[in-house]
N, C-alpha and C. Protein backbone atom coordinates (compact mmCIF):
# COMPACT_ATOMS: atom_id res chain seq x y z
N MET A 1 16.86 5.82 -14.53
CA MET A 1 16.09 5.78 -13.68
C MET A 1 16.20 5.10 -12.68
N GLU A 2 16.25 5.82 -11.30
CA GLU A 2 16.31 5.05 -10.11
C GLU A 2 15.00 4.52 -9.50
N THR A 3 15.17 3.59 -8.95
CA THR A 3 13.58 2.87 -8.00
C THR A 3 13.64 3.86 -6.72
N GLN A 4 13.08 4.65 -6.37
CA GLN A 4 12.86 4.39 -5.01
C GLN A 4 12.28 3.87 -3.80
N ILE A 5 12.69 3.20 -2.99
CA ILE A 5 12.02 2.74 -2.31
C ILE A 5 11.93 3.25 -1.04
N PRO A 6 10.61 3.57 -0.09
CA PRO A 6 10.73 4.65 0.76
C PRO A 6 11.29 3.39 1.73
N ASP A 7 11.45 4.31 3.35
CA ASP A 7 11.78 3.04 4.59
C ASP A 7 10.37 3.34 4.65
N HIS A 8 10.53 1.71 5.88
CA HIS A 8 9.57 1.00 6.30
C HIS A 8 7.98 2.04 7.23
N SER A 9 8.53 2.89 7.51
CA SER A 9 7.72 3.84 8.20
C SER A 9 7.66 5.14 7.40
N GLU A 10 7.90 5.49 6.65
CA GLU A 10 7.85 6.53 5.50
C GLU A 10 6.59 5.78 4.66
N LEU A 11 6.99 4.98 4.13
CA LEU A 11 6.11 4.11 3.84
C LEU A 11 4.35 3.86 4.07
N VAL A 12 4.43 3.80 5.73
CA VAL A 12 3.31 3.11 6.45
C VAL A 12 2.54 4.80 6.21
N ASP A 13 3.51 5.48 6.37
CA ASP A 13 2.84 6.81 6.37
C ASP A 13 2.09 7.43 5.03
N GLN A 14 2.65 7.27 4.31
CA GLN A 14 2.33 7.35 2.94
C GLN A 14 1.06 6.50 2.42
N ILE A 15 1.04 5.09 3.27
CA ILE A 15 0.14 4.70 2.68
C ILE A 15 -1.70 5.27 3.53
N ILE A 16 -0.83 5.82 4.86
CA ILE A 16 -2.23 5.99 5.30
C ILE A 16 -2.62 7.26 5.01
N ASP A 17 -1.53 8.42 4.54
CA ASP A 17 -2.49 9.06 3.52
C ASP A 17 -3.01 9.00 2.39
N VAL A 18 -2.91 7.49 1.94
CA VAL A 18 -3.86 7.11 0.49
C VAL A 18 -5.32 6.30 1.51
N ILE A 19 -5.55 6.13 2.66
CA ILE A 19 -6.53 5.96 2.90
C ILE A 19 -7.25 6.74 3.27
N VAL A 20 -6.46 7.99 4.26
CA VAL A 20 -7.45 8.72 4.60
C VAL A 20 -7.73 9.88 3.47
N THR A 21 -7.48 9.60 2.20
CA THR A 21 -7.88 10.50 1.32
C THR A 21 -8.85 10.29 0.81
N GLU A 22 -9.03 8.85 0.27
CA GLU A 22 -9.43 7.88 -0.93
C GLU A 22 -10.82 7.60 0.14
N GLY A 23 -10.05 7.06 1.77
CA GLY A 23 -11.60 6.59 1.91
C GLY A 23 -12.39 7.46 3.20
N MET A 24 -11.72 8.88 2.61
CA MET A 24 -12.89 10.48 3.25
C MET A 24 -13.08 10.08 4.32
N ILE A 25 -11.95 9.49 5.18
CA ILE A 25 -12.00 9.55 6.66
C ILE A 25 -11.01 10.06 7.61
N ASP A 26 -10.93 10.46 8.87
CA ASP A 26 -10.15 10.85 9.52
C ASP A 26 -9.44 10.60 10.09
N ARG A 27 -7.98 10.96 9.58
CA ARG A 27 -6.74 10.49 9.99
C ARG A 27 -6.13 9.87 11.34
N GLU A 28 -7.45 10.76 12.49
CA GLU A 28 -6.95 10.23 13.59
C GLU A 28 -7.75 8.99 13.88
N LYS A 29 -8.56 8.58 13.28
CA LYS A 29 -10.17 7.16 12.78
C LYS A 29 -8.71 5.87 12.97
N VAL A 30 -7.64 6.44 11.87
CA VAL A 30 -6.86 5.25 11.27
C VAL A 30 -6.24 4.93 12.22
N GLN A 31 -6.32 4.07 13.43
CA GLN A 31 -5.51 3.15 14.50
C GLN A 31 -4.99 2.22 13.89
N PRO A 32 -4.05 1.83 14.15
CA PRO A 32 -3.52 -0.06 14.11
C PRO A 32 -4.49 -0.84 14.23
N ASP A 33 -5.89 -1.10 15.52
CA ASP A 33 -6.72 -1.98 15.55
C ASP A 33 -7.69 -1.68 15.31
N ALA A 34 -8.25 -0.35 14.86
CA ALA A 34 -9.05 -0.02 14.02
C ALA A 34 -9.95 -0.84 12.70
N THR A 35 -10.76 -1.60 12.60
CA THR A 35 -11.20 -2.68 11.43
C THR A 35 -11.96 -1.82 11.00
N ILE A 36 -11.58 -2.45 8.90
CA ILE A 36 -12.20 -1.86 8.21
C ILE A 36 -13.08 -1.90 8.67
N GLU A 37 -14.40 -2.19 8.81
CA GLU A 37 -15.98 -2.21 8.85
C GLU A 37 -16.03 -1.09 9.89
N SER A 38 -15.44 -0.84 11.34
CA SER A 38 -15.42 0.49 11.57
C SER A 38 -15.41 2.12 11.05
N LEU A 39 -14.38 1.86 10.46
CA LEU A 39 -14.18 2.95 9.72
C LEU A 39 -14.82 3.26 8.15
N GLY A 40 -15.69 2.55 8.14
CA GLY A 40 -16.75 2.13 7.33
C GLY A 40 -16.61 2.33 5.78
N LEU A 41 -15.31 1.37 5.42
CA LEU A 41 -14.75 1.52 4.29
C LEU A 41 -15.67 0.67 3.15
N LYS A 42 -16.04 0.37 2.69
CA LYS A 42 -16.95 -0.54 1.47
C LYS A 42 -16.07 -0.95 0.60
N SER A 43 -16.21 -2.11 0.31
CA SER A 43 -15.18 -2.61 -0.72
C SER A 43 -14.87 -1.72 -2.19
N ILE A 44 -15.40 -1.16 -2.34
CA ILE A 44 -15.17 0.10 -3.19
C ILE A 44 -14.62 0.80 -2.41
N ASP A 45 -14.38 1.82 -1.30
CA ASP A 45 -13.27 2.08 -1.26
C ASP A 45 -12.28 1.65 -0.90
N ILE A 46 -12.39 0.23 -0.91
CA ILE A 46 -10.63 -0.67 -0.78
C ILE A 46 -9.89 -0.81 -2.27
N VAL A 47 -10.86 -0.76 -3.38
CA VAL A 47 -10.54 -0.68 -4.32
C VAL A 47 -10.18 0.57 -4.88
N MET A 48 -10.33 2.13 -4.74
CA MET A 48 -9.97 3.13 -4.80
C MET A 48 -8.60 3.61 -4.36
N ILE A 49 -8.45 2.65 -3.07
CA ILE A 49 -7.32 2.74 -2.13
C ILE A 49 -6.13 2.12 -2.98
N LEU A 50 -6.77 1.05 -3.24
CA LEU A 50 -5.40 -0.21 -3.77
C LEU A 50 -5.24 0.67 -5.12
N THR A 51 -5.99 1.19 -5.85
CA THR A 51 -5.56 2.06 -7.43
C THR A 51 -4.70 3.49 -7.52
N ALA A 52 -4.80 3.89 -6.57
CA ALA A 52 -4.80 5.11 -5.77
C ALA A 52 -2.90 4.80 -5.30
N LEU A 53 -2.70 4.09 -4.44
CA LEU A 53 -1.30 3.44 -4.24
C LEU A 53 -0.99 2.51 -5.67
N GLU A 54 -1.42 2.25 -6.61
CA GLU A 54 -0.74 1.46 -8.02
C GLU A 54 -0.16 3.04 -8.16
N GLU A 55 -1.37 3.86 -8.51
CA GLU A 55 -0.72 5.38 -9.93
C GLU A 55 0.70 5.61 -8.18
N LYS A 56 0.32 5.57 -6.55
CA LYS A 56 1.12 6.71 -6.26
C LYS A 56 3.00 5.75 -6.21
N PHE A 57 3.07 4.59 -6.16
CA PHE A 57 3.97 3.88 -6.35
C PHE A 57 4.25 3.21 -7.22
N ASP A 58 3.57 3.34 -8.41
CA ASP A 58 3.65 2.89 -9.57
C ASP A 58 4.56 1.07 -10.05
N VAL A 59 3.36 0.77 -9.24
CA VAL A 59 3.02 -0.85 -9.08
C VAL A 59 1.72 -1.19 -9.53
N TYR A 60 1.58 -2.53 -9.08
CA TYR A 60 0.32 -3.46 -9.92
C TYR A 60 -0.09 -4.11 -9.02
N ILE A 61 -1.08 -3.94 -8.34
CA ILE A 61 -1.33 -4.38 -6.81
C ILE A 61 -2.62 -5.63 -7.80
N PRO A 62 -2.68 -6.50 -7.26
CA PRO A 62 -3.54 -7.86 -7.86
C PRO A 62 -4.79 -7.58 -6.84
N MET A 63 -6.35 -7.03 -7.47
CA MET A 63 -7.55 -6.98 -6.50
C MET A 63 -7.80 -8.15 -5.60
N ASP A 64 -7.29 -9.02 -6.13
CA ASP A 64 -7.41 -10.65 -5.48
C ASP A 64 -6.01 -11.01 -4.15
N GLY A 65 -5.10 -9.33 -4.12
CA GLY A 65 -4.36 -9.97 -3.29
C GLY A 65 -4.54 -10.16 -1.39
N PRO A 66 -3.01 -10.55 -0.86
CA PRO A 66 -3.65 -10.54 0.42
C PRO A 66 -4.49 -9.74 1.59
N PHE A 67 -4.61 -8.37 0.80
CA PHE A 67 -5.25 -7.26 1.11
C PHE A 67 -6.65 -7.74 1.55
N HIS A 68 -7.42 -8.44 0.66
CA HIS A 68 -9.20 -8.67 1.06
C HIS A 68 -8.95 -9.53 2.84
N GLU A 69 -8.35 -10.19 2.91
CA GLU A 69 -8.06 -10.59 3.71
C GLU A 69 -7.82 -10.28 5.14
N ALA A 70 -7.50 -8.33 5.22
CA ALA A 70 -6.90 -7.80 5.89
C ALA A 70 -8.43 -7.63 6.94
N LYS A 71 -8.78 -8.14 7.99
CA LYS A 71 -9.36 -7.11 9.17
C LYS A 71 -9.52 -6.30 9.69
N ASP A 72 -7.99 -5.62 10.43
CA ASP A 72 -8.00 -4.64 10.41
C ASP A 72 -7.05 -3.71 9.86
N VAL A 73 -6.76 -2.00 9.99
CA VAL A 73 -6.02 -1.55 9.21
C VAL A 73 -4.33 -2.34 9.67
N LYS A 74 -3.79 -2.52 10.73
CA LYS A 74 -2.56 -2.44 10.96
C LYS A 74 -2.45 -3.88 9.79
N SER A 75 -2.74 -5.01 9.94
CA SER A 75 -2.77 -5.88 9.25
C SER A 75 -2.74 -5.75 7.46
N LEU A 76 -4.32 -4.72 7.31
CA LEU A 76 -4.27 -4.05 5.80
C LEU A 76 -3.00 -3.05 5.52
N ILE A 77 -2.76 -2.24 5.84
CA ILE A 77 -0.68 -1.56 6.19
C ILE A 77 -0.11 -2.26 5.97
N GLU A 78 0.10 -3.51 7.03
CA GLU A 78 1.48 -4.02 6.44
C GLU A 78 1.28 -4.60 5.32
N ALA A 79 0.12 -5.42 4.44
CA ALA A 79 -0.13 -6.35 4.02
C ALA A 79 0.34 -5.34 2.74
N MET A 80 -0.29 -4.35 2.41
CA MET A 80 0.16 -3.24 1.66
C MET A 80 1.90 -2.35 1.54
N ALA A 81 2.58 -2.25 2.63
CA ALA A 81 4.10 -1.57 2.82
C ALA A 81 4.38 -3.37 2.16
N THR A 82 4.25 -4.25 2.63
CA THR A 82 5.59 -5.61 2.34
C THR A 82 5.00 -5.50 0.73
N TYR A 83 4.00 -5.86 0.36
CA TYR A 83 4.19 -5.67 -1.25
C TYR A 83 4.64 -4.55 -2.18
N ILE A 84 4.44 -3.77 -1.13
CA ILE A 84 5.15 -2.03 -2.43
C ILE A 84 6.53 -2.50 -2.27
N SER A 85 6.75 -2.66 -1.32
CA SER A 85 8.08 -3.07 -0.51
C SER A 85 8.88 -4.19 -1.63
N LYS A 86 8.15 -5.02 -1.62
CA LYS A 86 8.67 -6.49 -2.24
C LYS A 86 8.85 -5.83 -4.03
N GLU A 87 7.90 -4.87 -4.83
CA GLU A 87 7.35 -5.09 -5.68
C GLU A 87 8.18 -4.00 -6.69
N LYS A 88 9.12 -2.66 -5.38
CA LYS A 88 9.92 -1.63 -5.88
C LYS A 88 11.04 -2.57 -5.44
N ALA A 89 10.97 -3.26 -5.02
CA ALA A 89 12.75 -3.86 -5.13
C ALA A 89 12.86 -4.82 -5.96
N ALA A 90 12.00 -5.33 -7.00
CA ALA A 90 11.74 -6.06 -7.52
C ALA A 90 12.11 -5.71 -9.17
N ALA A 91 11.25 -4.20 -8.92
CA ALA A 91 11.62 -3.26 -10.27
C ALA A 91 12.99 -2.93 -10.56
N GLY A 92 13.88 -2.62 -8.76
CA GLY A 92 14.90 -2.39 -9.31
C GLY A 92 16.08 -2.81 -9.46
N GLN A 93 15.92 -4.06 -9.11
CA GLN A 93 16.38 -5.16 -9.79
C GLN A 93 16.87 -5.78 -11.29
N ALA A 94 15.60 -5.39 -11.81
CA ALA A 94 15.20 -6.02 -13.41
C ALA A 94 15.85 -4.60 -14.01
N ALA A 95 15.55 -3.35 -13.10
CA ALA A 95 16.13 -2.11 -14.13
C ALA A 95 17.68 -1.91 -13.46
N ALA A 96 18.12 -2.72 -12.99
CA ALA A 96 19.72 -2.25 -12.82
C ALA A 96 20.44 -3.44 -14.29
N PRO A 97 21.68 -2.90 -14.74
CA PRO A 97 22.41 -3.54 -15.42
C PRO A 97 22.75 -4.87 -15.00
N GLU A 98 23.40 -5.48 -15.73
CA GLU A 98 24.47 -6.88 -15.29
C GLU A 98 25.57 -6.49 -14.95
N ALA A 99 25.41 -6.46 -13.86
CA ALA A 99 27.26 -6.72 -13.74
C ALA A 99 28.39 -7.32 -13.93
N SER A 100 28.19 -8.51 -14.63
CA SER A 100 29.16 -9.54 -15.17
C SER A 100 29.00 -9.57 -16.74
N ALA A 101 29.58 -8.88 -17.72
CA ALA A 101 29.37 -8.72 -18.74
C ALA A 101 30.36 -9.33 -19.46
């Protein structure tokens, strides 16, 4: 089975979709400079968002990862996108057969 890594803009868009759905907020409010606090997201909302991202992208996201330092939407999305891309790339490499036999 091939591991599909979405391009960065597609990945960011999918992460925003999850934030909107799980955080139950209007997409228009999810602006790069909006703070987590201004969106009304509580820690349980962040946990739900991270859990939904784990399921959507089939990756493990540690609850004590770099996401908890994020103060605004841009840093939260960038941290998630970077982490998911890295994990998917690593999973793809682990699944690839060895070329040297």
